[in-house]
PDB file of N, CA and C in Angstrom:
ATOM      1  N   UNK A   1       9.925  12.818  -2.503  1.00  0.00           N
ATOM      2  CA  UNK A   1       8.815  12.405  -3.339  1.00  0.00           C
ATOM      3  C   UNK A   1       8.253  11.101  -2.791  1.00  0.00           C
ATOM      4  N   UNK A   2       6.970  10.908  -2.990  1.00  0.00           N
ATOM      5  CA  UNK A   2       6.342   9.697  -2.457  1.00  0.00           C
ATOM      6  C   UNK A   2       5.043   9.406  -3.191  1.00  0.00           C
ATOM      7  N   UNK A   3       4.516   8.237  -2.902  1.00  0.00           N
ATOM      8  CA  UNK A   3       3.208   7.828  -3.397  1.00  0.00           C
ATOM      9  C   UNK A   3       2.217   7.970  -2.245  1.00  0.00           C
ATOM     10  N   UNK A   4       1.062   8.544  -2.522  1.00  0.00           N
ATOM     11  CA  UNK A   4      -0.062   8.500  -1.584  1.00  0.00           C
ATOM     12  C   UNK A   4      -1.070   7.554  -2.205  1.00  0.00           C
ATOM     13  N   UNK A   5      -1.310   6.443  -1.554  1.00  0.00           N
ATOM     14  CA  UNK A   5      -2.180   5.409  -2.107  1.00  0.00           C
ATOM     15  C   UNK A   5      -3.412   5.271  -1.224  1.00  0.00           C
ATOM     16  N   UNK A   6      -4.570   5.338  -1.863  1.00  0.00           N
ATOM     17  CA  UNK A   6      -5.854   5.338  -1.161  1.00  0.00           C
ATOM     18  C   UNK A   6      -6.719   4.193  -1.657  1.00  0.00           C
ATOM     19  N   UNK A   7      -7.505   3.630  -0.776  1.00  0.00           N
ATOM     20  CA  UNK A   7      -8.571   2.712  -1.156  1.00  0.00           C
ATOM     21  C   UNK A   7      -9.857   3.518  -1.043  1.00  0.00           C
ATOM     22  N   UNK A   8     -10.518   3.723  -2.182  1.00  0.00           N
ATOM     23  CA  UNK A   8     -11.659   4.630  -2.217  1.00  0.00           C
ATOM     24  C   UNK A   8     -12.981   3.896  -2.440  1.00  0.00           C
ATOM     25  N   UNK A   9     -14.020   4.521  -1.948  1.00  0.00           N
ATOM     26  CA  UNK A   9     -15.373   4.018  -2.153  1.00  0.00           C
ATOM     27  C   UNK A   9     -15.691   4.099  -3.645  1.00  0.00           C
ATOM     28  N   UNK A  10     -16.180   3.017  -4.269  1.00  0.00           N
ATOM     29  CA  UNK A  10     -16.425   3.039  -5.705  1.00  0.00           C
ATOM     30  C   UNK A  10     -17.548   3.990  -6.126  1.00  0.00           C
ATOM     31  N   UNK A  11     -18.434   4.351  -5.208  1.00  0.00           N
ATOM     32  CA  UNK A  11     -19.551   5.244  -5.541  1.00  0.00           C
ATOM     33  C   UNK A  11     -19.206   6.702  -5.237  1.00  0.00           C
ATOM     34  N   UNK A  12     -18.782   6.974  -4.009  1.00  0.00           N
ATOM     35  CA  UNK A  12     -18.530   8.363  -3.605  1.00  0.00           C
ATOM     36  C   UNK A  12     -17.152   8.861  -4.013  1.00  0.00           C
ATOM     37  N   UNK A  13     -16.233   7.946  -4.302  1.00  0.00           N
ATOM     38  CA  UNK A  13     -14.844   8.264  -4.648  1.00  0.00           C
ATOM     39  C   UNK A  13     -14.063   8.861  -3.477  1.00  0.00           C
ATOM     40  N   UNK A  14     -14.622   8.787  -2.278  1.00  0.00           N
ATOM     41  CA  UNK A  14     -13.924   9.279  -1.093  1.00  0.00           C
ATOM     42  C   UNK A  14     -13.091   8.143  -0.495  1.00  0.00           C
ATOM     43  N   UNK A  15     -12.015   8.523   0.178  1.00  0.00           N
ATOM     44  CA  UNK A  15     -11.185   7.525   0.841  1.00  0.00           C
ATOM     45  C   UNK A  15     -12.024   6.778   1.875  1.00  0.00           C
ATOM     46  N   UNK A  16     -11.939   5.475   1.837  1.00  0.00           N
ATOM     47  CA  UNK A  16     -12.704   4.629   2.745  1.00  0.00           C
ATOM     48  C   UNK A  16     -12.205   4.820   4.170  1.00  0.00           C
ATOM     49  N   UNK A  17     -13.153   4.881   5.091  1.00  0.00           N
ATOM     50  CA  UNK A  17     -12.819   4.876   6.508  1.00  0.00           C
ATOM     51  C   UNK A  17     -13.133   3.487   7.049  1.00  0.00           C
ATOM     52  N   UNK A  18     -12.158   2.903   7.714  1.00  0.00           N
ATOM     53  CA  UNK A  18     -12.323   1.577   8.295  1.00  0.00           C
ATOM     54  C   UNK A  18     -13.181   1.671   9.547  1.00  0.00           C
ATOM     55  N   UNK A  19     -13.635   0.543  10.025  1.00  0.00           N
ATOM     56  CA  UNK A  19     -14.496   0.511  11.210  1.00  0.00           C
ATOM     57  C   UNK A  19     -13.746   0.888  12.487  1.00  0.00           C
ATOM     58  N   UNK A  20     -12.450   0.607  12.506  1.00  0.00           N
ATOM     59  CA  UNK A  20     -11.637   0.929  13.686  1.00  0.00           C
ATOM     60  C   UNK A  20     -10.351   1.629  13.242  1.00  0.00           C
ATOM     61  N   UNK A  21      -9.707   2.286  14.180  1.00  0.00           N
ATOM     62  CA  UNK A  21      -8.435   2.935  13.898  1.00  0.00           C
ATOM     63  C   UNK A  21      -7.370   1.890  13.585  1.00  0.00           C
ATOM     64  N   UNK A  22      -6.374   2.293  12.789  1.00  0.00           N
ATOM     65  CA  UNK A  22      -5.256   1.407  12.473  1.00  0.00           C
ATOM     66  C   UNK A  22      -3.939   2.152  12.685  1.00  0.00           C
ATOM     67  N   UNK A  23      -2.872   1.389  12.705  1.00  0.00           N
ATOM     68  CA  UNK A  23      -1.531   1.943  12.893  1.00  0.00           C
ATOM     69  C   UNK A  23      -0.625   1.562  11.730  1.00  0.00           C
ATOM     70  N   UNK A  24      -1.185   1.429  10.544  1.00  0.00           N
ATOM     71  CA  UNK A  24      -0.409   1.133   9.345  1.00  0.00           C
ATOM     72  C   UNK A  24       0.169   2.464   8.881  1.00  0.00           C
ATOM     73  N   UNK A  25       1.512   2.571   8.929  1.00  0.00           N
ATOM     74  CA  UNK A  25       2.130   3.855   8.618  1.00  0.00           C
ATOM     75  C   UNK A  25       3.187   3.716   7.535  1.00  0.00           C
ATOM     76  N   UNK A  26       3.433   4.824   6.884  1.00  0.00           N
ATOM     77  CA  UNK A  26       4.470   4.896   5.864  1.00  0.00           C
ATOM     78  C   UNK A  26       5.381   6.073   6.141  1.00  0.00           C
ATOM     79  N   UNK A  27       5.742   6.802   5.072  1.00  0.00           N
ATOM     80  CA  UNK A  27       6.653   7.928   5.207  1.00  0.00           C
ATOM     81  C   UNK A  27       6.064   9.086   5.978  1.00  0.00           C
ATOM     82  N   UNK A  28       4.838   9.443   5.668  1.00  0.00           N
ATOM     83  CA  UNK A  28       4.106  10.426   6.467  1.00  0.00           C
ATOM     84  C   UNK A  28       2.840   9.739   6.941  1.00  0.00           C
ATOM     85  N   UNK A  29       2.358  10.157   8.083  1.00  0.00           N
ATOM     86  CA  UNK A  29       1.192   9.492   8.652  1.00  0.00           C
ATOM     87  C   UNK A  29       0.551  10.389   9.695  1.00  0.00           C
ATOM     88  N   UNK A  30      -0.652  10.035  10.055  1.00  0.00           N
ATOM     89  CA  UNK A  30      -1.383  10.751  11.088  1.00  0.00           C
ATOM     90  C   UNK A  30      -0.789  10.351  12.435  1.00  0.00           C
ATOM     91  N   UNK A  31      -0.410  11.331  13.233  1.00  0.00           N
ATOM     92  CA  UNK A  31       0.124  11.024  14.567  1.00  0.00           C
ATOM     93  C   UNK A  31      -0.950  10.297  15.371  1.00  0.00           C
ATOM     94  N   UNK A  32      -0.578   9.219  15.983  1.00  0.00           N
ATOM     95  CA  UNK A  32      -1.542   8.403  16.721  1.00  0.00           C
ATOM     96  C   UNK A  32      -2.089   7.326  15.817  1.00  0.00           C
ATOM     97  N   UNK A  33      -3.249   7.548  15.263  1.00  0.00           N
ATOM     98  CA  UNK A  33      -3.850   6.569  14.376  1.00  0.00           C
ATOM     99  C   UNK A  33      -4.956   7.226  13.561  1.00  0.00           C
ATOM    100  N   UNK A  34      -5.500   6.471  12.621  1.00  0.00           N
ATOM    101  CA  UNK A  34      -6.544   6.975  11.741  1.00  0.00           C
ATOM    102  C   UNK A  34      -7.431   5.821  11.307  1.00  0.00           C
ATOM    103  N   UNK A  35      -8.573   6.154  10.743  1.00  0.00           N
ATOM    104  CA  UNK A  35      -9.465   5.147  10.167  1.00  0.00           C
ATOM    105  C   UNK A  35      -9.347   5.106   8.644  1.00  0.00           C
ATOM    106  N   UNK A  36      -8.671   6.085   8.053  1.00  0.00           N
ATOM    107  CA  UNK A  36      -8.580   6.165   6.591  1.00  0.00           C
ATOM    108  C   UNK A  36      -7.730   5.038   6.016  1.00  0.00           C
ATOM    109  N   UNK A  37      -8.202   4.467   4.913  1.00  0.00           N
ATOM    110  CA  UNK A  37      -7.454   3.456   4.173  1.00  0.00           C
ATOM    111  C   UNK A  37      -6.512   4.186   3.222  1.00  0.00           C
ATOM    112  N   UNK A  38      -5.463   4.730   3.793  1.00  0.00           N
ATOM    113  CA  UNK A  38      -4.497   5.554   3.069  1.00  0.00           C
ATOM    114  C   UNK A  38      -3.102   5.214   3.559  1.00  0.00           C
ATOM    115  N   UNK A  39      -2.154   5.145   2.627  1.00  0.00           N
ATOM    116  CA  UNK A  39      -0.770   4.889   2.996  1.00  0.00           C
ATOM    117  C   UNK A  39       0.142   5.726   2.122  1.00  0.00           C
ATOM    118  N   UNK A  40       1.062   6.431   2.765  1.00  0.00           N
ATOM    119  CA  UNK A  40       2.096   7.185   2.067  1.00  0.00           C
ATOM    120  C   UNK A  40       3.333   6.295   2.013  1.00  0.00           C
ATOM    121  N   UNK A  41       3.882   6.127   0.807  1.00  0.00           N
ATOM    122  CA  UNK A  41       5.038   5.251   0.617  1.00  0.00           C
ATOM    123  C   UNK A  41       6.142   6.039  -0.076  1.00  0.00           C
ATOM    124  N   UNK A  42       7.343   5.965   0.475  1.00  0.00           N
ATOM    125  CA  UNK A  42       8.469   6.675  -0.112  1.00  0.00           C
ATOM    126  C   UNK A  42       8.767   6.195  -1.529  1.00  0.00           C
ATOM    127  N   UNK A  43       9.176   7.162  -2.345  1.00  0.00           N
ATOM    128  CA  UNK A  43       9.572   6.839  -3.714  1.00  0.00           C
ATOM    129  C   UNK A  43      10.903   6.071  -3.730  1.00  0.00           C
ATOM    130  N   UNK A  44      11.594   6.018  -2.589  1.00  0.00           N
ATOM    131  CA  UNK A  44      12.839   5.254  -2.508  1.00  0.00           C
ATOM    132  C   UNK A  44      12.621   3.790  -2.891  1.00  0.00           C
ATOM    133  N   UNK A  45      11.403   3.310  -2.744  1.00  0.00           N
ATOM    134  CA  UNK A  45      11.102   1.902  -3.025  1.00  0.00           C
ATOM    135  C   UNK A  45      10.740   1.649  -4.497  1.00  0.00           C
ATOM    136  N   UNK A  46      10.755   2.688  -5.314  1.00  0.00           N
ATOM    137  CA  UNK A  46      10.282   2.589  -6.701  1.00  0.00           C
ATOM    138  C   UNK A  46      10.981   1.486  -7.492  1.00  0.00           C
ATOM    139  N   UNK A  47      12.299   1.377  -7.369  1.00  0.00           N
ATOM    140  CA  UNK A  47      13.013   0.361  -8.155  1.00  0.00           C
ATOM    141  C   UNK A  47      12.500  -1.044  -7.856  1.00  0.00           C
ATOM    142  N   UNK A  48      12.244  -1.310  -6.604  1.00  0.00           N
ATOM    143  CA  UNK A  48      11.720  -2.640  -6.243  1.00  0.00           C
ATOM    144  C   UNK A  48      10.303  -2.805  -6.778  1.00  0.00           C
ATOM    145  N   UNK A  49       9.491  -1.754  -6.710  1.00  0.00           N
ATOM    146  CA  UNK A  49       8.130  -1.834  -7.255  1.00  0.00           C
ATOM    147  C   UNK A  49       8.156  -2.130  -8.750  1.00  0.00           C
ATOM    148  N   UNK A  50       9.075  -1.493  -9.485  1.00  0.00           N
ATOM    149  CA  UNK A  50       9.156  -1.751 -10.926  1.00  0.00           C
ATOM    150  C   UNK A  50       9.615  -3.174 -11.205  1.00  0.00           C
ATOM    151  N   UNK A  51      10.513  -3.715 -10.383  1.00  0.00           N
ATOM    152  CA  UNK A  51      10.943  -5.104 -10.558  1.00  0.00           C
ATOM    153  C   UNK A  51       9.790  -6.070 -10.283  1.00  0.00           C
ATOM    154  N   UNK A  52       8.971  -5.747  -9.293  1.00  0.00           N
ATOM    155  CA  UNK A  52       7.852  -6.624  -8.927  1.00  0.00           C
ATOM    156  C   UNK A  52       6.684  -6.543  -9.901  1.00  0.00           C
ATOM    157  N   UNK A  53       6.352  -5.314 -10.325  1.00  0.00           N
ATOM    158  CA  UNK A  53       5.108  -5.084 -11.044  1.00  0.00           C
ATOM    159  C   UNK A  53       5.279  -4.635 -12.494  1.00  0.00           C
ATOM    160  N   UNK A  54       6.511  -4.486 -12.961  1.00  0.00           N
ATOM    161  CA  UNK A  54       6.726  -4.085 -14.344  1.00  0.00           C
ATOM    162  C   UNK A  54       6.658  -2.584 -14.534  1.00  0.00           C
ATOM    163  N   UNK A  55       6.360  -2.166 -15.752  1.00  0.00           N
ATOM    164  CA  UNK A  55       6.474  -0.757 -16.148  1.00  0.00           C
ATOM    165  C   UNK A  55       5.614   0.216 -15.344  1.00  0.00           C
ATOM    166  N   UNK A  56       4.571  -0.255 -14.696  1.00  0.00           N
ATOM    167  CA  UNK A  56       3.709   0.646 -13.923  1.00  0.00           C
ATOM    168  C   UNK A  56       4.114   0.730 -12.448  1.00  0.00           C
ATOM    169  N   UNK A  57       4.980  -0.163 -12.022  1.00  0.00           N
ATOM    170  CA  UNK A  57       5.373  -0.170 -10.620  1.00  0.00           C
ATOM    171  C   UNK A  57       4.157  -0.327  -9.717  1.00  0.00           C
ATOM    172  N   UNK A  58       4.181   0.339  -8.577  1.00  0.00           N
ATOM    173  CA  UNK A  58       3.076   0.240  -7.610  1.00  0.00           C
ATOM    174  C   UNK A  58       1.772   0.790  -8.182  1.00  0.00           C
ATOM    175  N   UNK A  59       1.884   1.647  -9.185  1.00  0.00           N
ATOM    176  CA  UNK A  59       0.682   2.236  -9.798  1.00  0.00           C
ATOM    177  C   UNK A  59      -0.168   1.191 -10.532  1.00  0.00           C
ATOM    178  N   UNK A  60       0.346  -0.016 -10.658  1.00  0.00           N
ATOM    179  CA  UNK A  60      -0.439  -1.089 -11.264  1.00  0.00           C
ATOM    180  C   UNK A  60      -1.727  -1.332 -10.476  1.00  0.00           C
ATOM    181  N   UNK A  61      -1.718  -0.938  -9.197  1.00  0.00           N
ATOM    182  CA  UNK A  61      -2.907  -1.116  -8.357  1.00  0.00           C
ATOM    183  C   UNK A  61      -4.025  -0.151  -8.724  1.00  0.00           C
ATOM    184  N   UNK A  62      -3.677   1.027  -9.204  1.00  0.00           N
ATOM    185  CA  UNK A  62      -4.666   2.088  -9.425  1.00  0.00           C
ATOM    186  C   UNK A  62      -5.769   1.612 -10.372  1.00  0.00           C
ATOM    187  N   UNK A  63      -6.994   1.730  -9.915  1.00  0.00           N
ATOM    188  CA  UNK A  63      -8.152   1.303 -10.694  1.00  0.00           C
ATOM    189  C   UNK A  63      -8.618  -0.108 -10.370  1.00  0.00           C
ATOM    190  N   UNK A  64      -7.781  -0.891  -9.702  1.00  0.00           N
ATOM    191  CA  UNK A  64      -8.190  -2.243  -9.299  1.00  0.00           C
ATOM    192  C   UNK A  64      -9.026  -2.174  -8.028  1.00  0.00           C
ATOM    193  N   UNK A  65      -9.885  -3.147  -7.864  1.00  0.00           N
ATOM    194  CA  UNK A  65     -10.594  -3.259  -6.590  1.00  0.00           C
ATOM    195  C   UNK A  65      -9.663  -3.899  -5.572  1.00  0.00           C
ATOM    196  N   UNK A  66      -9.994  -3.733  -4.307  1.00  0.00           N
ATOM    197  CA  UNK A  66      -9.232  -4.411  -3.270  1.00  0.00           C
ATOM    198  C   UNK A  66      -9.175  -5.904  -3.531  1.00  0.00           C
ATOM    199  N   UNK A  67     -10.330  -6.483  -3.879  1.00  0.00           N
ATOM    200  CA  UNK A  67     -10.405  -7.923  -4.145  1.00  0.00           C
ATOM    201  C   UNK A  67      -9.481  -8.323  -5.289  1.00  0.00           C
ATOM    202  N   UNK A  68      -9.479  -7.530  -6.355  1.00  0.00           N
ATOM    203  CA  UNK A  68      -8.649  -7.852  -7.517  1.00  0.00           C
ATOM    204  C   UNK A  68      -7.160  -7.674  -7.247  1.00  0.00           C
ATOM    205  N   UNK A  69      -6.813  -6.938  -6.213  1.00  0.00           N
ATOM    206  CA  UNK A  69      -5.402  -6.694  -5.921  1.00  0.00           C
ATOM    207  C   UNK A  69      -4.807  -7.705  -4.941  1.00  0.00           C
ATOM    208  N   UNK A  70      -5.624  -8.470  -4.276  1.00  0.00           N
ATOM    209  CA  UNK A  70      -5.125  -9.360  -3.219  1.00  0.00           C
ATOM    210  C   UNK A  70      -4.093 -10.352  -3.746  1.00  0.00           C
ATOM    211  N   UNK A  71      -4.391 -11.069  -4.812  1.00  0.00           N
ATOM    212  CA  UNK A  71      -3.440 -12.052  -5.339  1.00  0.00           C
ATOM    213  C   UNK A  71      -2.162 -11.386  -5.826  1.00  0.00           C
ATOM    214  N   UNK A  72      -2.286 -10.228  -6.439  1.00  0.00           N
ATOM    215  CA  UNK A  72      -1.135  -9.473  -6.929  1.00  0.00           C
ATOM    216  C   UNK A  72      -0.218  -9.087  -5.767  1.00  0.00           C
ATOM    217  N   UNK A  73      -0.806  -8.583  -4.699  1.00  0.00           N
ATOM    218  CA  UNK A  73      -0.025  -8.191  -3.526  1.00  0.00           C
ATOM    219  C   UNK A  73       0.593  -9.414  -2.838  1.00  0.00           C
ATOM    220  N   UNK A  74      -0.177 -10.466  -2.685  1.00  0.00           N
ATOM    221  CA  UNK A  74       0.348 -11.680  -2.053  1.00  0.00           C
ATOM    222  C   UNK A  74       1.519 -12.250  -2.845  1.00  0.00           C
ATOM    223  N   UNK A  75       1.401 -12.256  -4.169  1.00  0.00           N
ATOM    224  CA  UNK A  75       2.472 -12.770  -5.018  1.00  0.00           C
ATOM    225  C   UNK A  75       3.737 -11.920  -4.865  1.00  0.00           C
ATOM    226  N   UNK A  76       3.576 -10.610  -4.865  1.00  0.00           N
ATOM    227  CA  UNK A  76       4.730  -9.723  -4.699  1.00  0.00           C
ATOM    228  C   UNK A  76       5.388  -9.935  -3.339  1.00  0.00           C
ATOM    229  N   UNK A  77       4.584 -10.004  -2.312  1.00  0.00           N
ATOM    230  CA  UNK A  77       5.099 -10.211  -0.949  1.00  0.00           C
ATOM    231  C   UNK A  77       5.910 -11.503  -0.863  1.00  0.00           C
ATOM    232  N   UNK A  78       5.441 -12.550  -1.528  1.00  0.00           N
ATOM    233  CA  UNK A  78       6.113 -13.856  -1.462  1.00  0.00           C
ATOM    234  C   UNK A  78       7.499 -13.834  -2.102  1.00  0.00           C
ATOM    235  N   UNK A  79       7.774 -12.846  -2.926  1.00  0.00           N
ATOM    236  CA  UNK A  79       9.064 -12.752  -3.624  1.00  0.00           C
ATOM    237  C   UNK A  79      10.103 -11.938  -2.860  1.00  0.00           C
ATOM    238  N   UNK A  80       9.710 -11.326  -1.763  1.00  0.00           N
ATOM    239  CA  UNK A  80      10.594 -10.398  -1.061  1.00  0.00           C
ATOM    240  C   UNK A  80      11.212 -11.006   0.196  1.00  0.00           C
ATOM    241  N   UNK A  81      12.421 -10.557   0.497  1.00  0.00           N
ATOM    242  CA  UNK A  81      13.127 -10.981   1.701  1.00  0.00           C
ATOM    243  C   UNK A  81      12.512 -10.311   2.926  1.00  0.00           C
ATOM    244  N   UNK A  82      12.932 -10.735   4.087  1.00  0.00           N
ATOM    245  CA  UNK A  82      12.401 -10.227   5.350  1.00  0.00           C
ATOM    246  C   UNK A  82      13.334  -9.231   6.039  1.00  0.00           C
ATOM    247  N   UNK A  83      14.190  -8.567   5.289  1.00  0.00           N
ATOM    248  CA  UNK A  83      15.200  -7.683   5.861  1.00  0.00           C
ATOM    249  C   UNK A  83      14.661  -6.286   6.185  1.00  0.00           C
ATOM    250  N   UNK A  84      13.666  -6.235   7.070  1.00  0.00           N
ATOM    251  CA  UNK A  84      13.105  -4.951   7.510  1.00  0.00           C
ATOM    252  C   UNK A  84      14.194  -4.192   8.259  1.00  0.00           C
ATOM    253  N   UNK A  85      14.299  -2.911   7.968  1.00  0.00           N
ATOM    254  CA  UNK A  85      15.284  -2.059   8.609  1.00  0.00           C
ATOM    255  C   UNK A  85      14.562  -1.026   9.456  1.00  0.00           C
ATOM    256  N   UNK A  86      15.124  -0.664  10.589  1.00  0.00           N
ATOM    257  CA  UNK A  86      14.512   0.358  11.445  1.00  0.00           C
ATOM    258  C   UNK A  86      14.423   1.705  10.748  1.00  0.00           C
ATOM    259  N   UNK A  87      15.273   1.921   9.742  1.00  0.00           N
ATOM    260  CA  UNK A  87      15.239   3.157   8.955  1.00  0.00           C
ATOM    261  C   UNK A  87      14.241   2.963   7.812  1.00  0.00           C
ATOM    262  N   UNK A  88      13.034   3.505   7.984  1.00  0.00           N
ATOM    263  CA  UNK A  88      11.970   3.354   6.981  1.00  0.00           C
ATOM    264  C   UNK A  88      12.442   3.745   5.579  1.00  0.00           C
ATOM    265  N   UNK A  89      13.292   4.741   5.470  1.00  0.00           N
ATOM    266  CA  UNK A  89      13.705   5.309   4.184  1.00  0.00           C
ATOM    267  C   UNK A  89      14.695   4.422   3.445  1.00  0.00           C
ATOM    268  N   UNK A  90      15.299   3.472   4.138  1.00  0.00           N
ATOM    269  CA  UNK A  90      16.268   2.584   3.510  1.00  0.00           C
ATOM    270  C   UNK A  90      15.543   1.606   2.593  1.00  0.00           C
ATOM    271  N   UNK A  91      16.055   1.471   1.383  1.00  0.00           N
ATOM    272  CA  UNK A  91      15.422   0.599   0.402  1.00  0.00           C
ATOM    273  C   UNK A  91      15.866  -0.836   0.622  1.00  0.00           C
ATOM    274  N   UNK A  92      15.038  -1.573   1.344  1.00  0.00           N
ATOM    275  CA  UNK A  92      15.266  -3.010   1.518  1.00  0.00           C
ATOM    276  C   UNK A  92      13.991  -3.735   1.096  1.00  0.00           C
ATOM    277  N   UNK A  93      14.153  -4.978   0.705  1.00  0.00           N
ATOM    278  CA  UNK A  93      12.969  -5.759   0.343  1.00  0.00           C
ATOM    279  C   UNK A  93      12.038  -5.901   1.542  1.00  0.00           C
ATOM    280  N   UNK A  94      12.601  -6.021   2.721  1.00  0.00           N
ATOM    281  CA  UNK A  94      11.771  -6.142   3.917  1.00  0.00           C
ATOM    282  C   UNK A  94      10.937  -4.899   4.173  1.00  0.00           C
ATOM    283  N   UNK A  95      11.502  -3.717   3.942  1.00  0.00           N
ATOM    284  CA  UNK A  95      10.737  -2.483   4.114  1.00  0.00           C
ATOM    285  C   UNK A  95       9.615  -2.388   3.082  1.00  0.00           C
ATOM    286  N   UNK A  96       9.910  -2.803   1.854  1.00  0.00           N
ATOM    287  CA  UNK A  96       8.872  -2.822   0.812  1.00  0.00           C
ATOM    288  C   UNK A  96       7.790  -3.832   1.183  1.00  0.00           C
ATOM    289  N   UNK A  97       8.208  -4.987   1.650  1.00  0.00           N
ATOM    290  CA  UNK A  97       7.262  -6.029   2.055  1.00  0.00           C
ATOM    291  C   UNK A  97       6.316  -5.512   3.135  1.00  0.00           C
ATOM    292  N   UNK A  98       6.864  -4.766   4.073  1.00  0.00           N
ATOM    293  CA  UNK A  98       6.056  -4.233   5.173  1.00  0.00           C
ATOM    294  C   UNK A  98       4.949  -3.315   4.652  1.00  0.00           C
ATOM    295  N   UNK A  99       5.262  -2.417   3.712  1.00  0.00           N
ATOM    296  CA  UNK A  99       4.210  -1.522   3.206  1.00  0.00           C
ATOM    297  C   UNK A  99       3.216  -2.288   2.336  1.00  0.00           C
ATOM    298  N   UNK A 100       3.686  -3.307   1.619  1.00  0.00           N
ATOM    299  CA  UNK A 100       2.756  -4.111   0.824  1.00  0.00           C
ATOM    300  C   UNK A 100       1.797  -4.884   1.724  1.00  0.00           C
ATOM    301  N   UNK A 101       2.271  -5.321   2.876  1.00  0.00           N
ATOM    302  CA  UNK A 101       1.375  -5.965   3.843  1.00  0.00           C
ATOM    303  C   UNK A 101       0.316  -4.980   4.328  1.00  0.00           C
ATOM    304  N   UNK A 102       0.686  -3.714   4.478  1.00  0.00           N
ATOM    305  CA  UNK A 102      -0.295  -2.699   4.859  1.00  0.00           C
ATOM    306  C   UNK A 102      -1.374  -2.551   3.807  1.00  0.00           C
ATOM    307  N   UNK A 103      -0.967  -2.462   2.540  1.00  0.00           N
ATOM    308  CA  UNK A 103      -1.955  -2.367   1.455  1.00  0.00           C
ATOM    309  C   UNK A 103      -2.819  -3.619   1.389  1.00  0.00           C
ATOM    310  N   UNK A 104      -2.206  -4.769   1.592  1.00  0.00           N
ATOM    311  CA  UNK A 104      -2.952  -6.028   1.584  1.00  0.00           C
ATOM    312  C   UNK A 104      -4.000  -6.044   2.701  1.00  0.00           C
ATOM    313  N   UNK A 105      -3.652  -5.530   3.856  1.00  0.00           N
ATOM    314  CA  UNK A 105      -4.614  -5.467   4.961  1.00  0.00           C
ATOM    315  C   UNK A 105      -5.821  -4.621   4.572  1.00  0.00           C
ATOM    316  N   UNK A 106      -5.572  -3.473   3.955  1.00  0.00           N
ATOM    317  CA  UNK A 106      -6.686  -2.627   3.509  1.00  0.00           C
ATOM    318  C   UNK A 106      -7.550  -3.374   2.493  1.00  0.00           C
ATOM    319  N   UNK A 107      -6.907  -4.036   1.532  1.00  0.00           N
ATOM    320  CA  UNK A 107      -7.648  -4.766   0.489  1.00  0.00           C
ATOM    321  C   UNK A 107      -8.520  -5.864   1.081  1.00  0.00           C
ATOM    322  N   UNK A 108      -8.014  -6.542   2.083  1.00  0.00           N
ATOM    323  CA  UNK A 108      -8.790  -7.616   2.716  1.00  0.00           C
ATOM    324  C   UNK A 108      -9.942  -7.063   3.548  1.00  0.00           C
ATOM    325  N   UNK A 109      -9.714  -5.910   4.183  1.00  0.00           N
ATOM    326  CA  UNK A 109     -10.768  -5.301   5.001  1.00  0.00           C
ATOM    327  C   UNK A 109     -11.887  -4.699   4.161  1.00  0.00           C
ATOM    328  N   UNK A 110     -11.529  -4.140   3.024  1.00  0.00           N
ATOM    329  CA  UNK A 110     -12.511  -3.463   2.166  1.00  0.00           C
ATOM    330  C   UNK A 110     -12.307  -3.883   0.704  1.00  0.00           C
ATOM    331  N   UNK A 111     -12.615  -5.130   0.378  1.00  0.00           N
ATOM    332  CA  UNK A 111     -12.347  -5.643  -0.968  1.00  0.00           C
ATOM    333  C   UNK A 111     -13.123  -4.945  -2.075  1.00  0.00           C
ATOM    334  N   UNK A 112     -14.188  -4.230  -1.727  1.00  0.00           N
ATOM    335  CA  UNK A 112     -14.969  -3.527  -2.748  1.00  0.00           C
ATOM    336  C   UNK A 112     -14.388  -2.159  -3.075  1.00  0.00           C
ATOM    337  N   UNK A 113     -13.411  -1.690  -2.302  1.00  0.00           N
ATOM    338  CA  UNK A 113     -12.787  -0.395  -2.563  1.00  0.00           C
ATOM    339  C   UNK A 113     -11.975  -0.412  -3.840  1.00  0.00           C
ATOM    340  N   UNK A 114     -11.703   0.774  -4.365  1.00  0.00           N
ATOM    341  CA  UNK A 114     -10.918   0.920  -5.602  1.00  0.00           C
ATOM    342  C   UNK A 114      -9.651   1.699  -5.274  1.00  0.00           C
ATOM    343  N   UNK A 115      -8.511   1.187  -5.723  1.00  0.00           N
ATOM    344  CA  UNK A 115      -7.230   1.844  -5.468  1.00  0.00           C
ATOM    345  C   UNK A 115      -7.073   3.092  -6.321  1.00  0.00           C
ATOM    346  N   UNK A 116      -6.520   4.112  -5.704  1.00  0.00           N
ATOM    347  CA  UNK A 116      -6.206   5.371  -6.391  1.00  0.00           C
ATOM    348  C   UNK A 116      -4.963   5.938  -5.730  1.00  0.00           C
ATOM    349  N   UNK A 117      -4.338   6.869  -6.375  1.00  0.00           N
ATOM    350  CA  UNK A 117      -3.163   7.429  -5.724  1.00  0.00           C
ATOM    351  C   UNK A 117      -2.424   8.488  -6.489  1.00  0.00           C
ATOM    352  N   UNK A 118      -1.309   8.814  -5.933  1.00  0.00           N
ATOM    353  CA  UNK A 118      -0.273   9.763  -6.332  1.00  0.00           C
ATOM    354  C   UNK A 118      -0.456  11.031  -5.594  1.00  0.00           C
TER     355      UNK A 118
END
């Protein structure tokens, strides 16, 4: 199980395409690279998301604009350790931090986008 999180155009509701390809990846991803502001995140990280964001977990982003999510993401990132593990599926604060940095990058690139997911 996993979360598919998208930054969508507020008018068309389609997933935003960035100006250039990116290599921000999660549990599943496009081989090579993509322009879509989309990230798949394993549900293994759910417990940490609930500790960071409360009862809604990572879904707290849904409906927020990229701009409105920046401080929330930065605050969460600042609370996490740097223990990134080569095993993406392992639940470490560093692995969670890494995917939150990916979402933060999308939010900064397209602050007018609206988060959606699942």
